[in-house]
Amino acid sequence: LGYPLVTLFLLALTTFIMMFFRDPERLTPEDPNGIVSPADGKIIVAELVRDKRFHADEVFKLSIFMNVFNVHVNRVPASGTIDRVQHVPGAFLAADNQKAHLKNEYCAVRMTTGEGRKITVVQIAGLIARRIVCRLEPGDRVARAERFGLIRFGSRVDLYLPADAIPAVKPGQRVRAGESILAHLPDLPTTPEAGS
C-alpha cells in the first residue's frame, strides 16, 4: 500500500506478540522432593515471611519477576490437589515494586501436595500486565510442571512454601518454568504405629 514504516512497525509488533505467547516444551528434572519454578524470570525475593492472606504460619517465599521477553506460561510447582483459587482485584503497580504483592491485582492458587504439604502460587498483575489467566479450579489434580495459566505482558509470580523448605536458588538468579528447581521439601517425619 506504499506505507513501509507502518508495515515495519506492524511486522515488529506481530513478531513481539508471537514471541510473547511462545510455549516451549521443558525437561522437568526427576527429583521427587524438588519444587520447580512456576515462571520464567529472575528471583527477586527469597526469604522467610508471614503473610496471613495465604498461610497462618511462617513460610518461605520466592518471588520471580518476569519481563516482557520471558516465556509467560505458568506451570504447577509440585504434584497435588488444588484447594482454593482466589482472584482479587487491585492496582497495577510495577511488578518489582516492594508494595506490588500487597496492592496489585492477583490470583492465588493454594494446593496440597501428595505428601500433605501446603503450597501457594500467586500470579500478580503489573504495570503493563493487566490480564491474569488461571485455568485451575478447586478439586483439580495437577502434575508437577503442568501448564496452568499465564500473565500477559510481563509481571511477577510469588511462591509460598513450608518454612522448612531448603532453597536451591538466590536473588538475582534466572530460572525457567517447569525446569529450574527452586527448593527441596524435606520428607515429613513418619508417625510411629500404635503399639510399636
Protein backbone atom coordinates (compact mmCIF):
# COMPACT_ATOMS: atom_id res chain seq x y z
CA LEU A 1 0.00 0.00 0.00
CA GLY A 2 3.02 2.28 -0.02
CA TYR A 3 3.45 2.56 3.80
CA PRO A 4 6.81 0.88 4.51
CA LEU A 5 7.24 2.40 8.01
CA VAL A 6 3.78 1.30 9.09
CA THR A 7 4.46 -2.15 7.63
CA LEU A 8 7.75 -2.47 9.55
CA PHE A 9 6.09 -1.34 12.78
CA LEU A 10 3.23 -3.83 12.41
CA LEU A 11 5.68 -6.59 11.50
CA ALA A 12 7.75 -5.86 14.62
CA LEU A 13 4.60 -5.80 16.77
CA THR A 14 3.39 -9.11 15.32
CA THR A 15 6.81 -10.70 15.93
CA PHE A 16 6.83 -9.45 19.53
CA ILE A 17 3.35 -10.84 20.24
CA MET A 18 4.27 -14.21 18.71
CA MET A 19 7.42 -14.31 20.87
CA PHE A 20 5.43 -13.35 23.95
CA PHE A 21 2.94 -16.20 23.53
CA ARG A 22 5.57 -18.85 22.76
CA ASP A 23 5.22 -22.02 24.81
CA PRO A 24 8.33 -24.22 24.56
CA GLU A 25 8.50 -27.73 25.93
CA ARG A 26 10.52 -28.09 29.11
CA LEU A 27 12.51 -31.01 30.54
CA THR A 28 11.47 -31.42 34.19
CA PRO A 29 14.15 -32.91 36.49
CA GLU A 30 13.47 -36.29 38.08
CA ASP A 31 13.57 -35.01 41.65
CA PRO A 32 10.57 -36.08 43.79
CA ASN A 33 11.23 -33.52 46.52
CA GLY A 34 12.15 -30.71 44.13
CA ILE A 35 9.84 -27.74 43.68
CA VAL A 36 10.03 -26.49 40.10
CA SER A 37 9.74 -22.86 39.12
CA PRO A 38 6.20 -21.74 38.20
CA ALA A 39 7.56 -18.99 35.94
CA ASP A 40 10.47 -17.85 33.80
CA GLY A 41 12.34 -14.82 35.10
CA LYS A 42 14.63 -13.54 37.83
CA ILE A 43 14.44 -14.32 41.56
CA ILE A 44 13.90 -11.03 43.41
CA VAL A 45 12.85 -12.36 46.85
CA ALA A 46 13.94 -15.47 48.77
CA GLU A 47 13.13 -15.20 52.47
CA LEU A 48 11.01 -16.34 55.39
CA VAL A 49 7.86 -14.24 55.76
CA ARG A 50 4.45 -14.11 57.39
CA ASP A 51 1.60 -13.36 55.02
CA LYS A 52 -1.72 -14.24 56.63
CA ARG A 53 -3.59 -13.76 53.36
CA PHE A 54 -2.31 -17.18 52.32
CA HIS A 55 -0.84 -19.02 55.34
CA ALA A 56 -1.26 -18.66 59.10
CA ASP A 57 2.31 -19.72 59.87
CA GLU A 58 5.70 -18.52 58.73
CA VAL A 59 6.53 -19.63 55.18
CA PHE A 60 9.43 -19.45 52.76
CA LYS A 61 8.66 -17.01 49.95
CA LEU A 62 10.21 -16.88 46.49
CA SER A 63 9.30 -14.10 44.05
CA ILE A 64 10.01 -14.30 40.32
CA PHE A 65 9.97 -11.16 38.19
CA MET A 66 9.06 -11.73 34.53
CA ASN A 67 9.99 -9.13 31.94
CA VAL A 68 8.26 -8.80 28.58
CA PHE A 69 10.85 -11.04 26.89
CA ASN A 70 10.36 -14.05 29.17
CA VAL A 71 8.11 -17.01 28.40
CA HIS A 72 4.89 -16.22 30.28
CA VAL A 73 3.23 -19.62 30.54
CA ASN A 74 2.99 -20.55 34.23
CA ARG A 75 3.47 -24.09 35.49
CA VAL A 76 2.49 -26.03 38.61
CA PRO A 77 5.43 -26.29 41.08
CA ALA A 78 4.51 -29.71 42.51
CA SER A 79 2.02 -32.52 42.03
CA GLY A 80 -1.09 -32.43 44.20
CA THR A 81 -4.67 -31.21 44.55
CA ILE A 82 -5.94 -27.65 44.21
CA ASP A 83 -7.62 -26.46 47.42
CA ARG A 84 -8.55 -22.89 46.55
CA VAL A 85 -8.35 -20.36 43.71
CA GLN A 86 -8.83 -16.72 44.72
CA HIS A 87 -8.84 -13.81 42.25
CA VAL A 88 -8.58 -10.40 43.96
CA PRO A 89 -8.88 -7.09 42.04
CA GLY A 90 -6.35 -4.37 42.80
CA ALA A 91 -3.88 -1.82 41.49
CA PHE A 92 -1.33 -2.16 38.67
CA LEU A 93 1.98 -1.04 40.17
CA ALA A 94 5.24 -2.13 38.55
CA ALA A 95 5.67 -5.81 39.44
CA ASP A 96 9.10 -5.27 41.02
CA ASN A 97 7.72 -2.54 43.34
CA GLN A 98 8.05 -3.51 47.02
CA LYS A 99 4.30 -2.96 47.57
CA ALA A 100 3.12 -4.72 44.39
CA HIS A 101 2.41 -8.00 46.17
CA LEU A 102 0.14 -6.18 48.63
CA LYS A 103 -1.71 -3.74 46.36
CA ASN A 104 -1.81 -5.27 42.87
CA GLU A 105 -4.47 -7.50 41.38
CA TYR A 106 -3.60 -11.14 41.92
CA CYS A 107 -4.78 -14.72 41.59
CA ALA A 108 -3.74 -17.05 44.42
CA VAL A 109 -3.78 -20.84 43.97
CA ARG A 110 -3.40 -22.92 47.10
CA MET A 111 -2.63 -26.62 46.75
CA THR A 112 -1.81 -29.67 48.86
CA THR A 113 0.93 -31.99 47.65
CA GLY A 114 0.65 -35.77 47.80
CA GLU A 115 2.73 -35.63 50.99
CA GLY A 116 0.30 -33.19 52.61
CA ARG A 117 2.42 -30.05 52.24
CA LYS A 118 0.67 -26.72 51.58
CA ILE A 119 1.95 -24.56 48.71
CA THR A 120 0.56 -21.32 47.30
CA VAL A 121 1.32 -19.83 43.88
CA VAL A 122 0.30 -16.19 43.38
CA GLN A 123 0.11 -14.62 39.91
CA ILE A 124 0.46 -10.85 40.31
CA ALA A 125 -0.52 -8.28 37.70
CA GLY A 126 1.88 -5.44 36.87
CA LEU A 127 2.17 -2.05 35.25
CA ILE A 128 1.71 -3.46 31.74
CA ALA A 129 0.42 -6.93 32.58
CA ARG A 130 -3.27 -6.50 33.29
CA ARG A 131 -4.64 -9.85 32.30
CA ILE A 132 -4.18 -12.85 34.57
CA VAL A 133 -5.22 -16.22 33.16
CA CYS A 134 -5.62 -19.16 35.57
CA ARG A 135 -7.28 -22.35 34.35
CA LEU A 136 -7.32 -24.19 37.69
CA GLU A 137 -10.33 -24.88 39.87
CA PRO A 138 -10.67 -26.31 43.41
CA GLY A 139 -10.51 -30.09 43.35
CA ASP A 140 -8.30 -30.32 40.26
CA ARG A 141 -5.50 -32.85 40.49
CA VAL A 142 -2.33 -31.49 38.90
CA ALA A 143 1.10 -32.81 37.96
CA ARG A 144 4.38 -31.05 38.55
CA ALA A 145 5.33 -28.70 35.67
CA GLU A 146 1.81 -28.87 34.19
CA ARG A 147 0.76 -25.64 32.46
CA PHE A 148 -1.96 -23.77 34.33
CA GLY A 149 -2.08 -20.18 33.05
CA LEU A 150 -0.18 -17.02 32.18
CA ILE A 151 0.10 -13.29 32.86
CA ARG A 152 0.00 -11.22 29.71
CA PHE A 153 2.91 -8.86 29.02
CA GLY A 154 5.22 -9.23 32.00
CA SER A 155 4.68 -9.38 35.75
CA ARG A 156 5.51 -11.48 38.78
CA VAL A 157 4.77 -14.82 40.43
CA ASP A 158 5.17 -15.40 44.17
CA LEU A 159 5.60 -18.90 45.59
CA TYR A 160 4.92 -19.70 49.26
CA LEU A 161 6.48 -22.92 50.56
CA PRO A 162 6.62 -24.53 54.01
CA ALA A 163 9.17 -22.83 56.27
CA ASP A 164 11.42 -25.91 56.28
CA ALA A 165 11.94 -25.70 52.50
CA ILE A 166 15.61 -25.87 51.53
CA PRO A 167 16.27 -23.16 48.91
CA ALA A 168 18.19 -24.05 45.77
CA VAL A 169 18.27 -20.52 44.30
CA LYS A 170 19.10 -17.00 45.48
CA PRO A 171 18.09 -13.44 44.50
CA GLY A 172 19.42 -12.39 41.11
CA GLN A 173 19.37 -15.91 39.68
CA ARG A 174 17.40 -16.56 36.49
CA VAL A 175 15.04 -19.54 36.38
CA ARG A 176 12.87 -21.37 33.84
CA ALA A 177 9.30 -22.56 34.42
CA GLY A 178 8.90 -26.30 34.83
CA GLU A 179 12.64 -26.86 34.63
CA SER A 180 14.56 -25.00 37.36
CA ILE A 181 14.47 -26.46 40.87
CA LEU A 182 13.75 -23.62 43.32
CA ALA A 183 13.78 -25.57 46.58
CA HIS A 184 13.53 -29.01 48.14
CA LEU A 185 10.92 -30.06 50.69
CA PRO A 186 12.25 -32.50 53.28
CA ASP A 187 10.19 -35.61 53.94
CA LEU A 188 7.71 -35.26 56.78
CA PRO A 189 8.56 -37.37 59.82
CA THR A 190 6.62 -40.64 59.91
CA THR A 191 4.26 -41.26 62.82
CA PRO A 192 5.12 -44.43 64.77
CA GLU A 193 2.45 -47.08 64.57
CA ALA A 194 0.41 -47.64 67.69
CA GLY A 195 1.98 -50.22 69.97
CA SER A 196 5.39 -50.10 68.31
